[in-house]
PDB file of all heavy atoms in Angstrom:
ATOM      1  N   ALA A   1      -6.127 -50.847 -63.950  1.00  0.00           N
ATOM      2  CA  ALA A   1      -6.753 -51.859 -63.124  1.00  0.00           C
ATOM      3  C   ALA A   1      -8.062 -52.286 -63.751  1.00  0.00           C
ATOM      4  O   ALA A   1      -8.558 -51.644 -64.687  1.00  0.00           O
ATOM      5  CB  ALA A   1      -6.996 -51.314 -61.722  1.00  0.00           C
ATOM      6  N   THR A   2      -8.610 -53.347 -63.239  1.00  0.00           N
ATOM      7  CA  THR A   2      -9.911 -53.819 -63.727  1.00  0.00           C
ATOM      8  C   THR A   2     -10.978 -52.753 -63.535  1.00  0.00           C
ATOM      9  O   THR A   2     -11.848 -52.564 -64.384  1.00  0.00           O
ATOM     10  CB  THR A   2     -10.319 -55.104 -62.974  1.00  0.00           C
ATOM     11  OG1 THR A   2      -9.281 -56.081 -63.136  1.00  0.00           O
ATOM     12  CG2 THR A   2     -11.630 -55.647 -63.503  1.00  0.00           C
ATOM     13  N   ARG A   3     -10.901 -52.030 -62.423  1.00  0.00           N
ATOM     14  CA  ARG A   3     -11.871 -50.964 -62.147  1.00  0.00           C
ATOM     15  C   ARG A   3     -11.123 -49.723 -61.666  1.00  0.00           C
ATOM     16  O   ARG A   3     -10.264 -49.812 -60.776  1.00  0.00           O
ATOM     17  CB  ARG A   3     -12.867 -51.415 -61.084  1.00  0.00           C
ATOM     18  CG  ARG A   3     -13.850 -50.332 -60.631  1.00  0.00           C
ATOM     19  CD  ARG A   3     -14.818 -49.952 -61.748  1.00  0.00           C
ATOM     20  NE  ARG A   3     -15.621 -48.794 -61.398  1.00  0.00           N
ATOM     21  CZ  ARG A   3     -16.779 -48.856 -60.706  1.00  0.00           C
ATOM     22  NH1 ARG A   3     -17.235 -50.035 -60.301  1.00  0.00           N
ATOM     23  NH2 ARG A   3     -17.457 -47.768 -60.452  1.00  0.00           N
ATOM     24  N   ILE A   4     -11.445 -48.601 -62.244  1.00  0.00           N
ATOM     25  CA  ILE A   4     -10.846 -47.334 -61.841  1.00  0.00           C
ATOM     26  C   ILE A   4     -11.929 -46.421 -61.296  1.00  0.00           C
ATOM     27  O   ILE A   4     -12.969 -46.214 -61.932  1.00  0.00           O
ATOM     28  CB  ILE A   4     -10.105 -46.653 -63.011  1.00  0.00           C
ATOM     29  CG1 ILE A   4      -8.898 -47.503 -63.432  1.00  0.00           C
ATOM     30  CG2 ILE A   4      -9.657 -45.243 -62.617  1.00  0.00           C
ATOM     31  CD1 ILE A   4      -8.142 -46.975 -64.629  1.00  0.00           C
ATOM     32  N   ILE A   5     -11.711 -45.888 -60.106  1.00  0.00           N
ATOM     33  CA  ILE A   5     -12.629 -44.958 -59.467  1.00  0.00           C
ATOM     34  C   ILE A   5     -11.973 -43.587 -59.454  1.00  0.00           C
ATOM     35  O   ILE A   5     -10.885 -43.418 -58.904  1.00  0.00           O
ATOM     36  CB  ILE A   5     -12.950 -45.393 -58.020  1.00  0.00           C
ATOM     37  CG1 ILE A   5     -13.729 -46.711 -58.031  1.00  0.00           C
ATOM     38  CG2 ILE A   5     -13.732 -44.315 -57.281  1.00  0.00           C
ATOM     39  CD1 ILE A   5     -13.925 -47.322 -56.657  1.00  0.00           C
ATOM     40  N   ASN A   6     -12.627 -42.631 -60.063  1.00  0.00           N
ATOM     41  CA  ASN A   6     -12.117 -41.256 -60.049  1.00  0.00           C
ATOM     42  C   ASN A   6     -12.694 -40.544 -58.830  1.00  0.00           C
ATOM     43  O   ASN A   6     -13.882 -40.244 -58.777  1.00  0.00           O
ATOM     44  CB  ASN A   6     -12.502 -40.520 -61.328  1.00  0.00           C
ATOM     45  CG  ASN A   6     -11.907 -39.114 -61.386  1.00  0.00           C
ATOM     46  OD1 ASN A   6     -11.204 -38.680 -60.472  1.00  0.00           O
ATOM     47  ND2 ASN A   6     -12.168 -38.409 -62.477  1.00  0.00           N
ATOM     48  N   ALA A   7     -11.830 -40.274 -57.845  1.00  0.00           N
ATOM     49  CA  ALA A   7     -12.275 -39.668 -56.590  1.00  0.00           C
ATOM     50  C   ALA A   7     -11.957 -38.184 -56.520  1.00  0.00           C
ATOM     51  O   ALA A   7     -11.866 -37.619 -55.426  1.00  0.00           O
ATOM     52  CB  ALA A   7     -11.610 -40.391 -55.413  1.00  0.00           C
ATOM     53  N   LYS A   8     -11.828 -37.539 -57.657  1.00  0.00           N
ATOM     54  CA  LYS A   8     -11.530 -36.110 -57.676  1.00  0.00           C
ATOM     55  C   LYS A   8     -12.618 -35.329 -56.924  1.00  0.00           C
ATOM     56  O   LYS A   8     -13.807 -35.522 -57.158  1.00  0.00           O
ATOM     57  CB  LYS A   8     -11.415 -35.595 -59.106  1.00  0.00           C
ATOM     58  CG  LYS A   8     -10.946 -34.147 -59.208  1.00  0.00           C
ATOM     59  CD  LYS A   8     -10.719 -33.754 -60.651  1.00  0.00           C
ATOM     60  CE  LYS A   8     -10.263 -32.296 -60.776  1.00  0.00           C
ATOM     61  NZ  LYS A   8      -9.012 -32.022 -60.054  1.00  0.00           N
ATOM     62  N   GLY A   9     -12.191 -34.464 -56.010  1.00  0.00           N
ATOM     63  CA  GLY A   9     -13.125 -33.694 -55.212  1.00  0.00           C
ATOM     64  C   GLY A   9     -13.710 -34.455 -54.042  1.00  0.00           C
ATOM     65  O   GLY A   9     -14.553 -33.927 -53.313  1.00  0.00           O
ATOM     66  N   MET A  10     -13.244 -35.678 -53.843  1.00  0.00           N
ATOM     67  CA  MET A  10     -13.790 -36.539 -52.788  1.00  0.00           C
ATOM     68  C   MET A  10     -12.753 -36.756 -51.675  1.00  0.00           C
ATOM     69  O   MET A  10     -11.546 -36.691 -51.898  1.00  0.00           O
ATOM     70  CB  MET A  10     -14.168 -37.910 -53.354  1.00  0.00           C
ATOM     71  CG  MET A  10     -15.147 -37.854 -54.495  1.00  0.00           C
ATOM     72  SD  MET A  10     -16.824 -37.528 -53.934  1.00  0.00           S
ATOM     73  CE  MET A  10     -17.703 -37.723 -55.495  1.00  0.00           C
ATOM     74  N   ALA A  11     -13.271 -37.049 -50.491  1.00  0.00           N
ATOM     75  CA  ALA A  11     -12.436 -37.518 -49.387  1.00  0.00           C
ATOM     76  C   ALA A  11     -12.386 -39.038 -49.454  1.00  0.00           C
ATOM     77  O   ALA A  11     -13.404 -39.699 -49.665  1.00  0.00           O
ATOM     78  CB  ALA A  11     -13.005 -37.062 -48.059  1.00  0.00           C
ATOM     79  N   VAL A  12     -11.194 -39.577 -49.279  1.00  0.00           N
ATOM     80  CA  VAL A  12     -11.000 -41.026 -49.259  1.00  0.00           C
ATOM     81  C   VAL A  12     -10.480 -41.388 -47.872  1.00  0.00           C
ATOM     82  O   VAL A  12      -9.445 -40.893 -47.442  1.00  0.00           O
ATOM     83  CB  VAL A  12     -10.007 -41.480 -50.343  1.00  0.00           C
ATOM     84  CG1 VAL A  12      -9.865 -43.002 -50.324  1.00  0.00           C
ATOM     85  CG2 VAL A  12     -10.457 -40.997 -51.721  1.00  0.00           C
ATOM     86  N   ALA A  13     -11.204 -42.225 -47.162  1.00  0.00           N
ATOM     87  CA  ALA A  13     -10.877 -42.516 -45.771  1.00  0.00           C
ATOM     88  C   ALA A  13     -10.971 -44.014 -45.511  1.00  0.00           C
ATOM     89  O   ALA A  13     -11.582 -44.749 -46.283  1.00  0.00           O
ATOM     90  CB  ALA A  13     -11.830 -41.774 -44.834  1.00  0.00           C
ATOM     91  N   PRO A  14     -10.382 -44.478 -44.414  1.00  0.00           N
ATOM     92  CA  PRO A  14     -10.618 -45.869 -44.030  1.00  0.00           C
ATOM     93  C   PRO A  14     -12.107 -46.074 -43.761  1.00  0.00           C
ATOM     94  O   PRO A  14     -12.829 -45.146 -43.377  1.00  0.00           O
ATOM     95  CB  PRO A  14      -9.818 -46.023 -42.726  1.00  0.00           C
ATOM     96  CG  PRO A  14      -8.834 -44.888 -42.718  1.00  0.00           C
ATOM     97  CD  PRO A  14      -9.514 -43.772 -43.446  1.00  0.00           C
ATOM     98  N   GLY A  15     -12.579 -47.284 -43.966  1.00  0.00           N
ATOM     99  CA  GLY A  15     -13.975 -47.586 -43.624  1.00  0.00           C
ATOM    100  C   GLY A  15     -14.228 -47.312 -42.154  1.00  0.00           C
ATOM    101  O   GLY A  15     -13.368 -47.551 -41.304  1.00  0.00           O
ATOM    102  N   PHE A  16     -15.396 -46.807 -41.845  1.00  0.00           N
ATOM    103  CA  PHE A  16     -15.715 -46.428 -40.463  1.00  0.00           C
ATOM    104  C   PHE A  16     -15.961 -47.685 -39.617  1.00  0.00           C
ATOM    105  O   PHE A  16     -16.495 -48.686 -40.105  1.00  0.00           O
ATOM    106  CB  PHE A  16     -16.940 -45.517 -40.435  1.00  0.00           C
ATOM    107  CG  PHE A  16     -16.777 -44.286 -41.279  1.00  0.00           C
ATOM    108  CD1 PHE A  16     -17.867 -43.727 -41.932  1.00  0.00           C
ATOM    109  CD2 PHE A  16     -15.534 -43.674 -41.446  1.00  0.00           C
ATOM    110  CE1 PHE A  16     -17.740 -42.584 -42.727  1.00  0.00           C
ATOM    111  CE2 PHE A  16     -15.386 -42.538 -42.231  1.00  0.00           C
ATOM    112  CZ  PHE A  16     -16.501 -41.994 -42.875  1.00  0.00           C
ATOM    113  N   ILE A  17     -15.577 -47.602 -38.354  1.00  0.00           N
ATOM    114  CA  ILE A  17     -15.721 -48.710 -37.411  1.00  0.00           C
ATOM    115  C   ILE A  17     -16.707 -48.292 -36.329  1.00  0.00           C
ATOM    116  O   ILE A  17     -16.456 -47.336 -35.597  1.00  0.00           O
ATOM    117  CB  ILE A  17     -14.358 -49.090 -36.808  1.00  0.00           C
ATOM    118  CG1 ILE A  17     -13.396 -49.551 -37.917  1.00  0.00           C
ATOM    119  CG2 ILE A  17     -14.533 -50.182 -35.746  1.00  0.00           C
ATOM    120  CD1 ILE A  17     -11.972 -49.795 -37.430  1.00  0.00           C
ATOM    121  N   ASP A  18     -17.815 -48.994 -36.261  1.00  0.00           N
ATOM    122  CA  ASP A  18     -18.875 -48.687 -35.291  1.00  0.00           C
ATOM    123  C   ASP A  18     -18.625 -49.493 -34.021  1.00  0.00           C
ATOM    124  O   ASP A  18     -18.769 -50.716 -34.014  1.00  0.00           O
ATOM    125  CB  ASP A  18     -20.241 -49.026 -35.892  1.00  0.00           C
ATOM    126  CG  ASP A  18     -21.399 -48.577 -35.019  1.00  0.00           C
ATOM    127  OD1 ASP A  18     -21.149 -48.203 -33.857  1.00  0.00           O
ATOM    128  OD2 ASP A  18     -22.540 -48.598 -35.503  1.00  0.00           O
ATOM    129  N   MET A  19     -18.282 -48.804 -32.938  1.00  0.00           N
ATOM    130  CA  MET A  19     -17.909 -49.471 -31.690  1.00  0.00           C
ATOM    131  C   MET A  19     -19.102 -49.908 -30.843  1.00  0.00           C
ATOM    132  O   MET A  19     -18.911 -50.506 -29.780  1.00  0.00           O
ATOM    133  CB  MET A  19     -17.006 -48.552 -30.868  1.00  0.00           C
ATOM    134  CG  MET A  19     -15.605 -48.418 -31.415  1.00  0.00           C
ATOM    135  SD  MET A  19     -14.668 -49.958 -31.315  1.00  0.00           S
ATOM    136  CE  MET A  19     -14.291 -50.001 -29.560  1.00  0.00           C
ATOM    137  N   HIS A  20     -20.309 -49.611 -31.281  1.00  0.00           N
ATOM    138  CA  HIS A  20     -21.492 -50.003 -30.499  1.00  0.00           C
ATOM    139  C   HIS A  20     -22.648 -50.197 -31.465  1.00  0.00           C
ATOM    140  O   HIS A  20     -23.337 -49.248 -31.835  1.00  0.00           O
ATOM    141  CB  HIS A  20     -21.830 -48.914 -29.475  1.00  0.00           C
ATOM    142  CG  HIS A  20     -22.960 -49.262 -28.560  1.00  0.00           C
ATOM    143  ND1 HIS A  20     -22.872 -49.149 -27.197  1.00  0.00           N
ATOM    144  CD2 HIS A  20     -24.211 -49.710 -28.794  1.00  0.00           C
ATOM    145  CE1 HIS A  20     -24.012 -49.505 -26.624  1.00  0.00           C
ATOM    146  NE2 HIS A  20     -24.837 -49.854 -27.598  1.00  0.00           N
ATOM    147  N   ALA A  21     -22.862 -51.439 -31.868  1.00  0.00           N
ATOM    148  CA  ALA A  21     -23.926 -51.726 -32.838  1.00  0.00           C
ATOM    149  C   ALA A  21     -24.802 -52.853 -32.327  1.00  0.00           C
ATOM    150  O   ALA A  21     -24.311 -53.855 -31.804  1.00  0.00           O
ATOM    151  CB  ALA A  21     -23.324 -52.105 -34.186  1.00  0.00           C
ATOM    152  N   HIS A  22     -26.100 -52.684 -32.475  1.00  0.00           N
ATOM    153  CA  HIS A  22     -27.060 -53.731 -32.118  1.00  0.00           C
ATOM    154  C   HIS A  22     -27.327 -54.542 -33.381  1.00  0.00           C
ATOM    155  O   HIS A  22     -28.135 -54.155 -34.224  1.00  0.00           O
ATOM    156  CB  HIS A  22     -28.328 -53.116 -31.539  1.00  0.00           C
ATOM    157  CG  HIS A  22     -28.114 -52.508 -30.189  1.00  0.00           C
ATOM    158  ND1 HIS A  22     -28.223 -53.235 -29.023  1.00  0.00           N
ATOM    159  CD2 HIS A  22     -27.754 -51.254 -29.821  1.00  0.00           C
ATOM    160  CE1 HIS A  22     -27.958 -52.452 -27.986  1.00  0.00           C
ATOM    161  NE2 HIS A  22     -27.666 -51.240 -28.445  1.00  0.00           N
ATOM    162  N   LEU A  23     -26.628 -55.657 -33.478  1.00  0.00           N
ATOM    163  CA  LEU A  23     -26.651 -56.459 -34.701  1.00  0.00           C
ATOM    164  C   LEU A  23     -27.676 -57.588 -34.649  1.00  0.00           C
ATOM    165  O   LEU A  23     -27.669 -58.477 -35.503  1.00  0.00           O
ATOM    166  CB  LEU A  23     -25.253 -57.058 -34.938  1.00  0.00           C
ATOM    167  CG  LEU A  23     -24.111 -56.039 -35.064  1.00  0.00           C
ATOM    168  CD1 LEU A  23     -22.768 -56.761 -35.197  1.00  0.00           C
ATOM    169  CD2 LEU A  23     -24.334 -55.122 -36.264  1.00  0.00           C
ATOM    170  N   ASP A  24     -28.589 -57.526 -33.672  1.00  0.00           N
ATOM    171  CA  ASP A  24     -29.531 -58.620 -33.442  1.00  0.00           C
ATOM    172  C   ASP A  24     -30.241 -59.108 -34.707  1.00  0.00           C
ATOM    173  O   ASP A  24     -30.416 -60.326 -34.870  1.00  0.00           O
ATOM    174  CB  ASP A  24     -30.588 -58.202 -32.407  1.00  0.00           C
ATOM    175  CG  ASP A  24     -29.974 -57.570 -31.162  1.00  0.00           C
ATOM    176  OD1 ASP A  24     -29.066 -56.740 -31.311  1.00  0.00           O
ATOM    177  OD2 ASP A  24     -30.406 -57.897 -30.054  1.00  0.00           O
ATOM    178  N   PRO A  25     -30.677 -58.225 -35.626  1.00  0.00           N
ATOM    179  CA  PRO A  25     -31.416 -58.728 -36.803  1.00  0.00           C
ATOM    180  C   PRO A  25     -30.509 -59.238 -37.919  1.00  0.00           C
ATOM    181  O   PRO A  25     -30.973 -59.420 -39.041  1.00  0.00           O
ATOM    182  CB  PRO A  25     -32.197 -57.482 -37.276  1.00  0.00           C
ATOM    183  CG  PRO A  25     -31.956 -56.410 -36.278  1.00  0.00           C
ATOM    184  CD  PRO A  25     -30.675 -56.754 -35.592  1.00  0.00           C
ATOM    185  N   ILE A  26     -29.227 -59.486 -37.656  1.00  0.00           N
ATOM    186  CA  ILE A  26     -28.277 -59.740 -38.737  1.00  0.00           C
ATOM    187  C   ILE A  26     -28.559 -61.027 -39.502  1.00  0.00           C
ATOM    188  O   ILE A  26     -28.203 -61.144 -40.677  1.00  0.00           O
ATOM    189  CB  ILE A  26     -26.823 -59.731 -38.192  1.00  0.00           C
ATOM    190  CG1 ILE A  26     -25.820 -59.559 -39.343  1.00  0.00           C
ATOM    191  CG2 ILE A  26     -26.530 -60.962 -37.342  1.00  0.00           C
ATOM    192  CD1 ILE A  26     -24.424 -59.197 -38.910  1.00  0.00           C
ATOM    193  N   LEU A  27     -29.217 -61.976 -38.880  1.00  0.00           N
ATOM    194  CA  LEU A  27     -29.517 -63.223 -39.606  1.00  0.00           C
ATOM    195  C   LEU A  27     -30.515 -62.988 -40.731  1.00  0.00           C
ATOM    196  O   LEU A  27     -30.519 -63.709 -41.736  1.00  0.00           O
ATOM    197  CB  LEU A  27     -30.042 -64.288 -38.638  1.00  0.00           C
ATOM    198  CG  LEU A  27     -29.036 -64.792 -37.602  1.00  0.00           C
ATOM    199  CD1 LEU A  27     -29.693 -65.789 -36.657  1.00  0.00           C
ATOM    200  CD2 LEU A  27     -27.807 -65.403 -38.261  1.00  0.00           C
TER     201      LEU A  27
END
């Protein structure tokens, strides 16, 4: 592939989903 990531010794998980975030400063 264009980029290869060696994750040996690592946990690979779905990205975390934050169910309660105050995003007010996002702009």
